[in-house]
Amino acid sequence: MELESTMQGKDSLPSPALCRSIFSQIEEIGWEHLIKATEDLSSLTFRILDEKGKCHVAEIILSHNYPHAPPSINADLPSIPKLKWSNTSRLIDVINQLCEHLKKLQEVWSTLECIDNNLSVIGRKEQGFATTHRHISLCEDCSILLHINPCRPNFLPECRFFGSDEKVDQLLKNWKKNSRNWKSDKAFHENLATILETELPKPPISATTATENRDEAIDCGICYVTYLPIDEELGSDSGCAPDYKCENTSCMRAFHAVCLRDWLRTITTTRQSFDVLFGNCPYCSEPVAVKICD
């Protein structure tokens, strides 16, 4: 967990009673899910796993009137849920509402994944969880920009064509003529091919491979960087890439052994036997073990 200094005076710090309350609420969520916090506890950033095992980072911002006023949320999502808040609400209620919201977003992410796996998407690397549009190549000099409705991802999307006037005119005619044939229970890429009356290009092999492997994290799941800094204090770990991977096939998160070791040492349930620490993966909770350096 990272502590960020807010560079504010003592007057801006919460009261001891409020600090104790916030610490207690973090305990309910689990300290292992807290990534960072500001010194005045006005901003708390948590790691949340959705039902597909994908990791989301959510910042919960506490107002000066907290807990009398609800916190706000920053997250890389297509939409942010409107919090239900009362005088008895706690931070874990915010996390639970976020988890429910993530369940509702699974359908739009499944639709976008279908597009990525079956069509030639332009600018694939720039997409995050909040992105609900896709720019798709149709031929050498023609493309379509699709805006997927997060609330109705399997319905006919909004679109805009790019290319020569002749090709765009024909595609627009086909779109208008065949729009009524869009079927919400049919695969998105099949619907699109039917509407446009054309065979759609497949994704490049390298892009398909990257999509299939996108859950195999390159960055460390704890420090969120690929390479550790060059630092004599890190010894043989200086500048190294993630060198430990969770063995759970539905997780497969990668970590720097030194990061995982330091994280396990902060968890009260971690066990040590000789020179090995035994604990649970911070993402899937499956058993992990890492050797202690001399």
C-alpha atoms as a PDB file:
ATOM      1  CA  MET A   1       0.000   0.000   0.000  1.00  0.00           C
ATOM      2  CA  GLU A   2       1.321   3.409  -0.991  1.00  0.00           C
ATOM      3  CA  LEU A   3       0.876   6.495   1.184  1.00  0.00           C
ATOM      4  CA  GLU A   4       0.719   9.794  -0.698  1.00  0.00           C
ATOM      5  CA  SER A   5       1.500  13.107   0.979  1.00  0.00           C
ATOM      6  CA  THR A   6      -1.131  15.775   0.321  1.00  0.00           C
ATOM      7  CA  MET A   7       1.136  18.672   1.372  1.00  0.00           C
ATOM      8  CA  GLN A   8      -1.645  20.066   3.559  1.00  0.00           C
ATOM      9  CA  GLY A   9      -1.548  21.464   7.063  1.00  0.00           C
ATOM     10  CA  LYS A  10      -2.583  19.693  10.243  1.00  0.00           C
ATOM     11  CA  ASP A  11      -5.915  21.517  10.206  1.00  0.00           C
ATOM     12  CA  SER A  12      -6.948  19.582   7.106  1.00  0.00           C
ATOM     13  CA  LEU A  13      -6.321  16.187   8.696  1.00  0.00           C
ATOM     14  CA  PRO A  14      -9.374  14.222   9.857  1.00  0.00           C
ATOM     15  CA  SER A  15     -10.118  13.941  13.554  1.00  0.00           C
ATOM     16  CA  PRO A  16      -8.695  10.963  15.455  1.00  0.00           C
ATOM     17  CA  ALA A  17     -12.208   9.517  15.760  1.00  0.00           C
ATOM     18  CA  LEU A  18     -12.780   9.758  12.008  1.00  0.00           C
ATOM     19  CA  CYS A  19      -9.349   8.232  11.319  1.00  0.00           C
ATOM     20  CA  ARG A  20     -10.212   5.276  13.549  1.00  0.00           C
ATOM     21  CA  SER A  21     -13.553   4.906  11.773  1.00  0.00           C
ATOM     22  CA  ILE A  22     -11.942   4.978   8.309  1.00  0.00           C
ATOM     23  CA  PHE A  23      -9.264   2.479   9.366  1.00  0.00           C
ATOM     24  CA  SER A  24     -11.994   0.196  10.717  1.00  0.00           C
ATOM     25  CA  GLN A  25     -13.899   0.447   7.425  1.00  0.00           C
ATOM     26  CA  ILE A  26     -10.751  -0.351   5.425  1.00  0.00           C
ATOM     27  CA  GLU A  27     -10.283  -3.389   7.673  1.00  0.00           C
ATOM     28  CA  GLU A  28     -13.795  -4.558   6.676  1.00  0.00           C
ATOM     29  CA  ILE A  29     -12.810  -4.402   3.007  1.00  0.00           C
ATOM     30  CA  GLY A  30      -9.353  -5.872   3.603  1.00  0.00           C
ATOM     31  CA  TRP A  31      -6.072  -3.980   3.749  1.00  0.00           C
ATOM     32  CA  GLU A  32      -4.732  -6.211   0.969  1.00  0.00           C
ATOM     33  CA  HIS A  33      -7.179  -4.537  -1.442  1.00  0.00           C
ATOM     34  CA  LEU A  34      -5.973  -1.014  -0.631  1.00  0.00           C
ATOM     35  CA  ILE A  35      -3.393   0.169  -3.176  1.00  0.00           C
ATOM     36  CA  LYS A  36      -2.740   3.677  -1.928  1.00  0.00           C
ATOM     37  CA  ALA A  37      -4.112   6.404   0.287  1.00  0.00           C
ATOM     38  CA  THR A  38      -3.462  10.083   0.774  1.00  0.00           C
ATOM     39  CA  GLU A  39      -2.052  11.246   4.082  1.00  0.00           C
ATOM     40  CA  ASP A  40      -5.304  12.986   5.011  1.00  0.00           C
ATOM     41  CA  LEU A  41      -7.335   9.891   4.004  1.00  0.00           C
ATOM     42  CA  SER A  42      -9.394  11.976   1.561  1.00  0.00           C
ATOM     43  CA  SER A  43      -8.522   9.575  -1.259  1.00  0.00           C
ATOM     44  CA  LEU A  44      -8.437   5.771  -0.979  1.00  0.00           C
ATOM     45  CA  THR A  45      -7.610   3.608  -3.992  1.00  0.00           C
ATOM     46  CA  PHE A  46      -8.735  -0.013  -4.003  1.00  0.00           C
ATOM     47  CA  ARG A  47      -8.148  -3.034  -6.219  1.00  0.00           C
ATOM     48  CA  ILE A  48     -11.411  -4.802  -7.149  1.00  0.00           C
ATOM     49  CA  LEU A  49     -11.828  -8.080  -9.041  1.00  0.00           C
ATOM     50  CA  ASP A  50     -14.922  -8.601 -11.188  1.00  0.00           C
ATOM     51  CA  GLU A  51     -16.635 -11.961 -11.738  1.00  0.00           C
ATOM     52  CA  LYS A  52     -14.380 -12.681 -14.735  1.00  0.00           C
ATOM     53  CA  GLY A  53     -11.269 -12.195 -12.615  1.00  0.00           C
ATOM     54  CA  LYS A  54     -10.308  -8.885 -14.241  1.00  0.00           C
ATOM     55  CA  CYS A  55      -8.750  -6.287 -11.972  1.00  0.00           C
ATOM     56  CA  HIS A  56     -10.213  -2.777 -11.680  1.00  0.00           C
ATOM     57  CA  VAL A  57      -8.740   0.147  -9.783  1.00  0.00           C
ATOM     58  CA  ALA A  58     -11.219   2.475  -8.094  1.00  0.00           C
ATOM     59  CA  GLU A  59     -10.450   5.696  -6.235  1.00  0.00           C
ATOM     60  CA  ILE A  60     -12.904   6.576  -3.477  1.00  0.00           C
ATOM     61  CA  ILE A  61     -12.802  10.280  -2.624  1.00  0.00           C
ATOM     62  CA  LEU A  62     -14.078  11.326   0.797  1.00  0.00           C
ATOM     63  CA  SER A  63     -15.534  14.826   1.075  1.00  0.00           C
ATOM     64  CA  HIS A  64     -14.959  17.176   4.019  1.00  0.00           C
ATOM     65  CA  ASN A  65     -18.433  16.245   5.252  1.00  0.00           C
ATOM     66  CA  TYR A  66     -17.818  12.494   5.170  1.00  0.00           C
ATOM     67  CA  PRO A  67     -19.599  10.369   6.377  1.00  0.00           C
ATOM     68  CA  HIS A  68     -22.580  12.752   6.339  1.00  0.00           C
ATOM     69  CA  ALA A  69     -22.043  13.263   2.595  1.00  0.00           C
ATOM     70  CA  PRO A  70     -21.456  10.331   0.218  1.00  0.00           C
ATOM     71  CA  PRO A  71     -18.009   9.746  -1.263  1.00  0.00           C
ATOM     72  CA  SER A  72     -17.364  10.020  -4.995  1.00  0.00           C
ATOM     73  CA  ILE A  73     -15.733   7.447  -7.259  1.00  0.00           C
ATOM     74  CA  ASN A  74     -13.107   7.649  -9.996  1.00  0.00           C
ATOM     75  CA  ALA A  75     -12.621   4.500 -12.092  1.00  0.00           C
ATOM     76  CA  ASP A  76     -11.846   3.432 -15.653  1.00  0.00           C
ATOM     77  CA  LEU A  77     -15.444   2.399 -16.403  1.00  0.00           C
ATOM     78  CA  PRO A  78     -18.019   3.319 -19.076  1.00  0.00           C
ATOM     79  CA  SER A  79     -20.227   4.694 -16.313  1.00  0.00           C
ATOM     80  CA  ILE A  80     -19.987   5.303 -12.572  1.00  0.00           C
ATOM     81  CA  PRO A  81     -22.816   4.052 -10.350  1.00  0.00           C
ATOM     82  CA  LYS A  82     -24.910   6.533  -8.405  1.00  0.00           C
ATOM     83  CA  LEU A  83     -24.242   5.589  -4.809  1.00  0.00           C
ATOM     84  CA  LYS A  84     -27.025   4.757  -2.394  1.00  0.00           C
ATOM     85  CA  TRP A  85     -25.890   6.392   0.820  1.00  0.00           C
ATOM     86  CA  SER A  86     -27.320   6.816   4.302  1.00  0.00           C
ATOM     87  CA  ASN A  87     -26.063   7.810   7.733  1.00  0.00           C
ATOM     88  CA  THR A  88     -25.184   4.185   8.462  1.00  0.00           C
ATOM     89  CA  SER A  89     -23.376   3.514   5.175  1.00  0.00           C
ATOM     90  CA  ARG A  90     -19.716   2.480   5.189  1.00  0.00           C
ATOM     91  CA  LEU A  91     -16.928   2.132   2.633  1.00  0.00           C
ATOM     92  CA  ILE A  92     -17.672  -1.558   2.143  1.00  0.00           C
ATOM     93  CA  ASP A  93     -21.115  -0.525   0.874  1.00  0.00           C
ATOM     94  CA  VAL A  94     -19.368   1.541  -1.820  1.00  0.00           C
ATOM     95  CA  ILE A  95     -17.256  -1.473  -2.814  1.00  0.00           C
ATOM     96  CA  ASN A  96     -20.311  -3.751  -2.884  1.00  0.00           C
ATOM     97  CA  GLN A  97     -22.220  -1.304  -5.097  1.00  0.00           C
ATOM     98  CA  LEU A  98     -19.202  -1.084  -7.403  1.00  0.00           C
ATOM     99  CA  CYS A  99     -19.078  -4.879  -7.641  1.00  0.00           C
ATOM    100  CA  GLU A 100     -22.767  -4.968  -8.582  1.00  0.00           C
ATOM    101  CA  HIS A 101     -22.124  -2.297 -11.206  1.00  0.00           C
ATOM    102  CA  LEU A 102     -19.245  -4.353 -12.641  1.00  0.00           C
ATOM    103  CA  LYS A 103     -21.652  -7.278 -13.060  1.00  0.00           C
ATOM    104  CA  LYS A 104     -23.952  -5.078 -15.162  1.00  0.00           C
ATOM    105  CA  LEU A 105     -21.011  -4.055 -17.386  1.00  0.00           C
ATOM    106  CA  GLN A 106     -19.993  -7.627 -18.218  1.00  0.00           C
ATOM    107  CA  GLU A 107     -22.353  -7.765 -21.188  1.00  0.00           C
ATOM    108  CA  VAL A 108     -20.870  -4.719 -22.926  1.00  0.00           C
ATOM    109  CA  TRP A 109     -17.330  -5.972 -22.275  1.00  0.00           C
ATOM    110  CA  SER A 110     -18.270  -9.390 -23.720  1.00  0.00           C
ATOM    111  CA  THR A 111     -19.603  -7.649 -26.840  1.00  0.00           C
ATOM    112  CA  LEU A 112     -16.409  -5.607 -27.192  1.00  0.00           C
ATOM    113  CA  GLU A 113     -14.337  -8.757 -26.703  1.00  0.00           C
ATOM    114  CA  CYS A 114     -16.320 -10.446 -29.477  1.00  0.00           C
ATOM    115  CA  ILE A 115     -15.504  -7.505 -31.764  1.00  0.00           C
ATOM    116  CA  ASP A 116     -11.808  -7.585 -30.839  1.00  0.00           C
ATOM    117  CA  ASN A 117     -11.588 -11.340 -31.459  1.00  0.00           C
ATOM    118  CA  ASN A 118     -13.355 -11.380 -34.805  1.00  0.00           C
ATOM    119  CA  LEU A 119     -12.797  -8.044 -36.543  1.00  0.00           C
ATOM    120  CA  SER A 120      -9.848  -5.887 -37.590  1.00  0.00           C
ATOM    121  CA  VAL A 121      -9.852  -3.177 -34.915  1.00  0.00           C
ATOM    122  CA  ILE A 122      -7.856   0.020 -35.438  1.00  0.00           C
ATOM    123  CA  GLY A 123      -6.051   1.445 -32.401  1.00  0.00           C
ATOM    124  CA  ARG A 124      -6.539  -1.690 -30.331  1.00  0.00           C
ATOM    125  CA  LYS A 125      -3.781  -0.860 -27.815  1.00  0.00           C
ATOM    126  CA  GLU A 126      -5.393   2.434 -26.793  1.00  0.00           C
ATOM    127  CA  GLN A 127      -8.537   0.853 -25.339  1.00  0.00           C
ATOM    128  CA  GLY A 128      -9.342   0.719 -21.641  1.00  0.00           C
ATOM    129  CA  PHE A 129     -12.317  -0.523 -19.636  1.00  0.00           C
ATOM    130  CA  ALA A 130     -14.119   2.797 -20.117  1.00  0.00           C
ATOM    131  CA  THR A 131     -13.912   2.688 -23.911  1.00  0.00           C
ATOM    132  CA  THR A 132     -17.135   1.542 -25.593  1.00  0.00           C
ATOM    133  CA  HIS A 133     -16.347   2.475 -29.187  1.00  0.00           C
ATOM    134  CA  ARG A 134     -14.473   0.478 -31.808  1.00  0.00           C
ATOM    135  CA  HIS A 135     -12.898   1.719 -35.038  1.00  0.00           C
ATOM    136  CA  ILE A 136     -13.046  -1.189 -37.486  1.00  0.00           C
ATOM    137  CA  SER A 137     -11.288  -1.583 -40.811  1.00  0.00           C
ATOM    138  CA  LEU A 138     -13.616  -2.652 -43.627  1.00  0.00           C
ATOM    139  CA  CYS A 139     -11.132  -2.566 -46.507  1.00  0.00           C
ATOM    140  CA  GLU A 140      -7.944  -0.752 -47.524  1.00  0.00           C
ATOM    141  CA  ASP A 141      -9.456   2.727 -47.621  1.00  0.00           C
ATOM    142  CA  CYS A 142     -12.685   2.372 -45.678  1.00  0.00           C
ATOM    143  CA  SER A 143     -13.560   1.968 -41.984  1.00  0.00           C
ATOM    144  CA  ILE A 144     -16.434   2.310 -39.550  1.00  0.00           C
ATOM    145  CA  LEU A 145     -16.531   3.834 -36.059  1.00  0.00           C
ATOM    146  CA  LEU A 146     -19.046   2.054 -33.830  1.00  0.00           C
ATOM    147  CA  HIS A 147     -20.393   3.405 -30.530  1.00  0.00           C
ATOM    148  CA  ILE A 148     -21.705   0.559 -28.375  1.00  0.00           C
ATOM    149  CA  ASN A 149     -24.444   1.426 -25.883  1.00  0.00           C
ATOM    150  CA  PRO A 150     -23.295   0.029 -22.492  1.00  0.00           C
ATOM    151  CA  CYS A 151     -26.946  -0.445 -21.476  1.00  0.00           C
ATOM    152  CA  ARG A 152     -27.910  -2.249 -24.702  1.00  0.00           C
ATOM    153  CA  PRO A 153     -24.662  -3.600 -26.170  1.00  0.00           C
ATOM    154  CA  ASN A 154     -26.288  -6.213 -28.391  1.00  0.00           C
ATOM    155  CA  PHE A 155     -28.549  -3.723 -30.156  1.00  0.00           C
ATOM    156  CA  LEU A 156     -27.818  -1.782 -33.338  1.00  0.00           C
ATOM    157  CA  PRO A 157     -24.997   0.678 -32.499  1.00  0.00           C
ATOM    158  CA  GLU A 158     -24.467   4.240 -33.655  1.00  0.00           C
ATOM    159  CA  CYS A 159     -21.936   4.450 -36.455  1.00  0.00           C
ATOM    160  CA  ARG A 160     -19.866   6.713 -38.683  1.00  0.00           C
ATOM    161  CA  PHE A 161     -18.148   5.684 -41.925  1.00  0.00           C
ATOM    162  CA  PHE A 162     -14.772   6.872 -43.202  1.00  0.00           C
ATOM    163  CA  GLY A 163     -13.472   6.462 -46.742  1.00  0.00           C
ATOM    164  CA  SER A 164     -14.128   7.443 -50.333  1.00  0.00           C
ATOM    165  CA  ASP A 165     -17.524   8.962 -51.074  1.00  0.00           C
ATOM    166  CA  GLU A 166     -18.485   6.123 -53.401  1.00  0.00           C
ATOM    167  CA  LYS A 167     -17.801   3.358 -50.864  1.00  0.00           C
ATOM    168  CA  VAL A 168     -19.274   5.277 -47.934  1.00  0.00           C
ATOM    169  CA  ASP A 169     -22.492   5.993 -49.884  1.00  0.00           C
ATOM    170  CA  GLN A 170     -22.950   2.300 -50.656  1.00  0.00           C
ATOM    171  CA  LEU A 171     -22.265   1.239 -47.077  1.00  0.00           C
ATOM    172  CA  LEU A 172     -24.731   3.830 -45.763  1.00  0.00           C
ATOM    173  CA  LYS A 173     -27.398   2.547 -48.149  1.00  0.00           C
ATOM    174  CA  ASN A 174     -26.823  -1.017 -46.959  1.00  0.00           C
ATOM    175  CA  TRP A 175     -26.893   0.106 -43.324  1.00  0.00           C
ATOM    176  CA  LYS A 176     -30.214   1.923 -43.677  1.00  0.00           C
ATOM    177  CA  LYS A 177     -31.749  -0.842 -45.783  1.00  0.00           C
ATOM    178  CA  ASN A 178     -30.752  -3.714 -43.518  1.00  0.00           C
ATOM    179  CA  SER A 179     -30.887  -2.134 -40.046  1.00  0.00           C
ATOM    180  CA  ARG A 180     -34.181  -3.859 -39.291  1.00  0.00           C
ATOM    181  CA  ASN A 181     -32.434  -7.214 -39.751  1.00  0.00           C
ATOM    182  CA  TRP A 182     -30.165  -6.692 -36.746  1.00  0.00           C
ATOM    183  CA  LYS A 183     -30.838  -9.478 -34.234  1.00  0.00           C
ATOM    184  CA  SER A 184     -29.861  -8.942 -30.586  1.00  0.00           C
ATOM    185  CA  ASP A 185     -29.393 -12.690 -30.036  1.00  0.00           C
ATOM    186  CA  LYS A 186     -26.867 -12.973 -32.876  1.00  0.00           C
ATOM    187  CA  ALA A 187     -23.082 -12.466 -32.612  1.00  0.00           C
ATOM    188  CA  PHE A 188     -22.132  -8.817 -33.130  1.00  0.00           C
ATOM    189  CA  HIS A 189     -19.675  -9.415 -36.002  1.00  0.00           C
ATOM    190  CA  GLU A 190     -22.212 -11.602 -37.819  1.00  0.00           C
ATOM    191  CA  ASN A 191     -24.854  -8.891 -37.498  1.00  0.00           C
ATOM    192  CA  LEU A 192     -22.435  -6.304 -38.854  1.00  0.00           C
ATOM    193  CA  ALA A 193     -21.539  -8.435 -41.891  1.00  0.00           C
ATOM    194  CA  THR A 194     -25.239  -8.978 -42.603  1.00  0.00           C
ATOM    195  CA  ILE A 195     -26.106  -5.285 -42.339  1.00  0.00           C
ATOM    196  CA  LEU A 196     -23.217  -4.135 -44.541  1.00  0.00           C
ATOM    197  CA  GLU A 197     -23.580  -6.991 -47.041  1.00  0.00           C
ATOM    198  CA  THR A 198     -19.823  -7.495 -47.090  1.00  0.00           C
ATOM    199  CA  GLU A 199     -17.207  -9.907 -45.819  1.00  0.00           C
ATOM    200  CA  LEU A 200     -15.397  -8.261 -42.930  1.00  0.00           C
ATOM    201  CA  PRO A 201     -11.601  -8.512 -42.532  1.00  0.00           C
ATOM    202  CA  LYS A 202     -10.362 -10.771 -39.738  1.00  0.00           C
ATOM    203  CA  PRO A 203      -7.967  -9.396 -37.093  1.00  0.00           C
ATOM    204  CA  PRO A 204      -4.245  -9.763 -37.841  1.00  0.00           C
ATOM    205  CA  ILE A 205      -2.765 -12.938 -36.351  1.00  0.00           C
ATOM    206  CA  SER A 206      -0.524 -10.941 -34.006  1.00  0.00           C
ATOM    207  CA  ALA A 207      -3.518  -8.930 -32.755  1.00  0.00           C
ATOM    208  CA  THR A 208      -5.554 -12.111 -32.187  1.00  0.00           C
ATOM    209  CA  THR A 209      -2.733 -13.606 -30.179  1.00  0.00           C
ATOM    210  CA  ALA A 210      -2.417 -10.430 -28.139  1.00  0.00           C
ATOM    211  CA  THR A 211      -6.165 -10.491 -27.413  1.00  0.00           C
ATOM    212  CA  GLU A 212      -6.057 -14.120 -26.316  1.00  0.00           C
ATOM    213  CA  ASN A 213      -3.156 -13.365 -23.996  1.00  0.00           C
ATOM    214  CA  ARG A 214      -4.249  -9.975 -22.705  1.00  0.00           C
ATOM    215  CA  ASP A 215      -5.096 -11.326 -19.236  1.00  0.00           C
ATOM    216  CA  GLU A 216      -1.546 -12.587 -18.810  1.00  0.00           C
ATOM    217  CA  ALA A 217      -0.248  -9.464 -17.146  1.00  0.00           C
ATOM    218  CA  ILE A 218       3.097  -8.091 -18.266  1.00  0.00           C
ATOM    219  CA  ASP A 219       3.130  -5.531 -15.469  1.00  0.00           C
ATOM    220  CA  CYS A 220       3.569  -6.651 -11.890  1.00  0.00           C
ATOM    221  CA  GLY A 221       0.157  -7.044 -10.228  1.00  0.00           C
ATOM    222  CA  ILE A 222       1.387  -5.249  -7.112  1.00  0.00           C
ATOM    223  CA  CYS A 223       3.619  -2.356  -8.191  1.00  0.00           C
ATOM    224  CA  TYR A 224       2.026  -2.013 -11.676  1.00  0.00           C
ATOM    225  CA  VAL A 225       5.301  -1.617 -13.575  1.00  0.00           C
ATOM    226  CA  THR A 226       7.132  -4.086 -15.779  1.00  0.00           C
ATOM    227  CA  TYR A 227      10.700  -3.400 -14.695  1.00  0.00           C
ATOM    228  CA  LEU A 228      11.887  -2.548 -11.209  1.00  0.00           C
ATOM    229  CA  PRO A 229      14.085   0.559 -10.949  1.00  0.00           C
ATOM    230  CA  ILE A 230      17.832   0.275 -11.218  1.00  0.00           C
ATOM    231  CA  ASP A 231      18.800   0.508  -7.566  1.00  0.00           C
ATOM    232  CA  GLU A 232      21.701  -0.979  -5.647  1.00  0.00           C
ATOM    233  CA  GLU A 233      19.420  -1.558  -2.651  1.00  0.00           C
ATOM    234  CA  LEU A 234      17.412  -4.041  -4.724  1.00  0.00           C
ATOM    235  CA  GLY A 235      20.513  -6.141  -5.346  1.00  0.00           C
ATOM    236  CA  SER A 236      19.906  -8.885  -7.916  1.00  0.00           C
ATOM    237  CA  ASP A 237      16.267  -7.706  -8.291  1.00  0.00           C
ATOM    238  CA  SER A 238      17.421  -4.338  -9.668  1.00  0.00           C
ATOM    239  CA  GLY A 239      15.811  -3.719 -13.066  1.00  0.00           C
ATOM    240  CA  CYS A 240      14.196  -7.163 -13.213  1.00  0.00           C
ATOM    241  CA  ALA A 241      10.884  -8.037 -14.895  1.00  0.00           C
ATOM    242  CA  PRO A 242       8.079  -9.983 -13.160  1.00  0.00           C
ATOM    243  CA  ASP A 243       9.521 -13.405 -12.294  1.00  0.00           C
ATOM    244  CA  TYR A 244       6.642 -15.052 -10.426  1.00  0.00           C
ATOM    245  CA  LYS A 245       3.259 -16.058 -11.882  1.00  0.00           C
ATOM    246  CA  CYS A 246       0.155 -17.293 -10.077  1.00  0.00           C
ATOM    247  CA  GLU A 247      -0.396 -20.937 -11.013  1.00  0.00           C
ATOM    248  CA  ASN A 248      -4.180 -20.604 -11.084  1.00  0.00           C
ATOM    249  CA  THR A 249      -5.001 -20.877 -14.813  1.00  0.00           C
ATOM    250  CA  SER A 250      -7.946 -18.482 -14.468  1.00  0.00           C
ATOM    251  CA  CYS A 251      -5.670 -15.850 -12.904  1.00  0.00           C
ATOM    252  CA  MET A 252      -2.050 -16.162 -14.135  1.00  0.00           C
ATOM    253  CA  ARG A 253      -1.156 -12.732 -12.729  1.00  0.00           C
ATOM    254  CA  ALA A 254       2.547 -11.920 -12.828  1.00  0.00           C
ATOM    255  CA  PHE A 255       4.522 -10.375  -9.968  1.00  0.00           C
ATOM    256  CA  HIS A 256       8.023  -9.394  -9.054  1.00  0.00           C
ATOM    257  CA  ALA A 257       9.020 -11.922  -6.397  1.00  0.00           C
ATOM    258  CA  VAL A 258      10.309  -9.070  -4.233  1.00  0.00           C
ATOM    259  CA  CYS A 259       6.943  -7.246  -4.485  1.00  0.00           C
ATOM    260  CA  LEU A 260       4.980 -10.392  -3.668  1.00  0.00           C
ATOM    261  CA  ARG A 261       7.302 -11.110  -0.757  1.00  0.00           C
ATOM    262  CA  ASP A 262       6.876  -7.598   0.674  1.00  0.00           C
ATOM    263  CA  TRP A 263       3.099  -7.772   0.203  1.00  0.00           C
ATOM    264  CA  LEU A 264       2.824 -11.164   1.920  1.00  0.00           C
ATOM    265  CA  ARG A 265       4.723  -9.789   4.906  1.00  0.00           C
ATOM    266  CA  THR A 266       1.923  -7.236   5.440  1.00  0.00           C
ATOM    267  CA  ILE A 267      -0.793  -9.924   5.590  1.00  0.00           C
ATOM    268  CA  THR A 268      -1.451 -11.436   9.022  1.00  0.00           C
ATOM    269  CA  THR A 269      -2.457 -14.835   7.590  1.00  0.00           C
ATOM    270  CA  THR A 270       0.899 -15.351   5.836  1.00  0.00           C
ATOM    271  CA  ARG A 271       2.865 -18.339   7.151  1.00  0.00           C
ATOM    272  CA  GLN A 272       6.616 -18.909   7.072  1.00  0.00           C
ATOM    273  CA  SER A 273       8.341 -22.267   6.880  1.00  0.00           C
ATOM    274  CA  PHE A 274      12.130 -22.176   6.834  1.00  0.00           C
ATOM    275  CA  ASP A 275      12.996 -19.676   4.063  1.00  0.00           C
ATOM    276  CA  VAL A 276       9.610 -19.673   2.275  1.00  0.00           C
ATOM    277  CA  LEU A 277       6.551 -17.449   2.774  1.00  0.00           C
ATOM    278  CA  PHE A 278       3.151 -19.058   2.149  1.00  0.00           C
ATOM    279  CA  GLY A 279       0.025 -17.008   1.522  1.00  0.00           C
ATOM    280  CA  ASN A 280      -2.657 -16.251  -1.036  1.00  0.00           C
ATOM    281  CA  CYS A 281      -2.612 -14.524  -4.416  1.00  0.00           C
ATOM    282  CA  PRO A 282      -3.842 -10.913  -4.008  1.00  0.00           C
ATOM    283  CA  TYR A 283      -6.126 -11.388  -7.022  1.00  0.00           C
ATOM    284  CA  CYS A 284      -7.625 -14.886  -6.890  1.00  0.00           C
ATOM    285  CA  SER A 285      -6.730 -15.940  -3.299  1.00  0.00           C
ATOM    286  CA  GLU A 286      -5.185 -19.207  -4.504  1.00  0.00           C
ATOM    287  CA  PRO A 287      -2.079 -20.382  -2.568  1.00  0.00           C
ATOM    288  CA  VAL A 288       1.257 -18.775  -3.452  1.00  0.00           C
ATOM    289  CA  ALA A 289       4.732 -19.351  -2.069  1.00  0.00           C
ATOM    290  CA  VAL A 290       7.844 -17.224  -2.456  1.00  0.00           C
ATOM    291  CA  LYS A 291      11.358 -17.707  -1.145  1.00  0.00           C
ATOM    292  CA  ILE A 292      12.809 -15.221   1.300  1.00  0.00           C
ATOM    293  CA  CYS A 293      16.034 -13.617   0.152  1.00  0.00           C
ATOM    294  CA  ASP A 294      19.112 -13.989   2.328  1.00  0.00           C
END
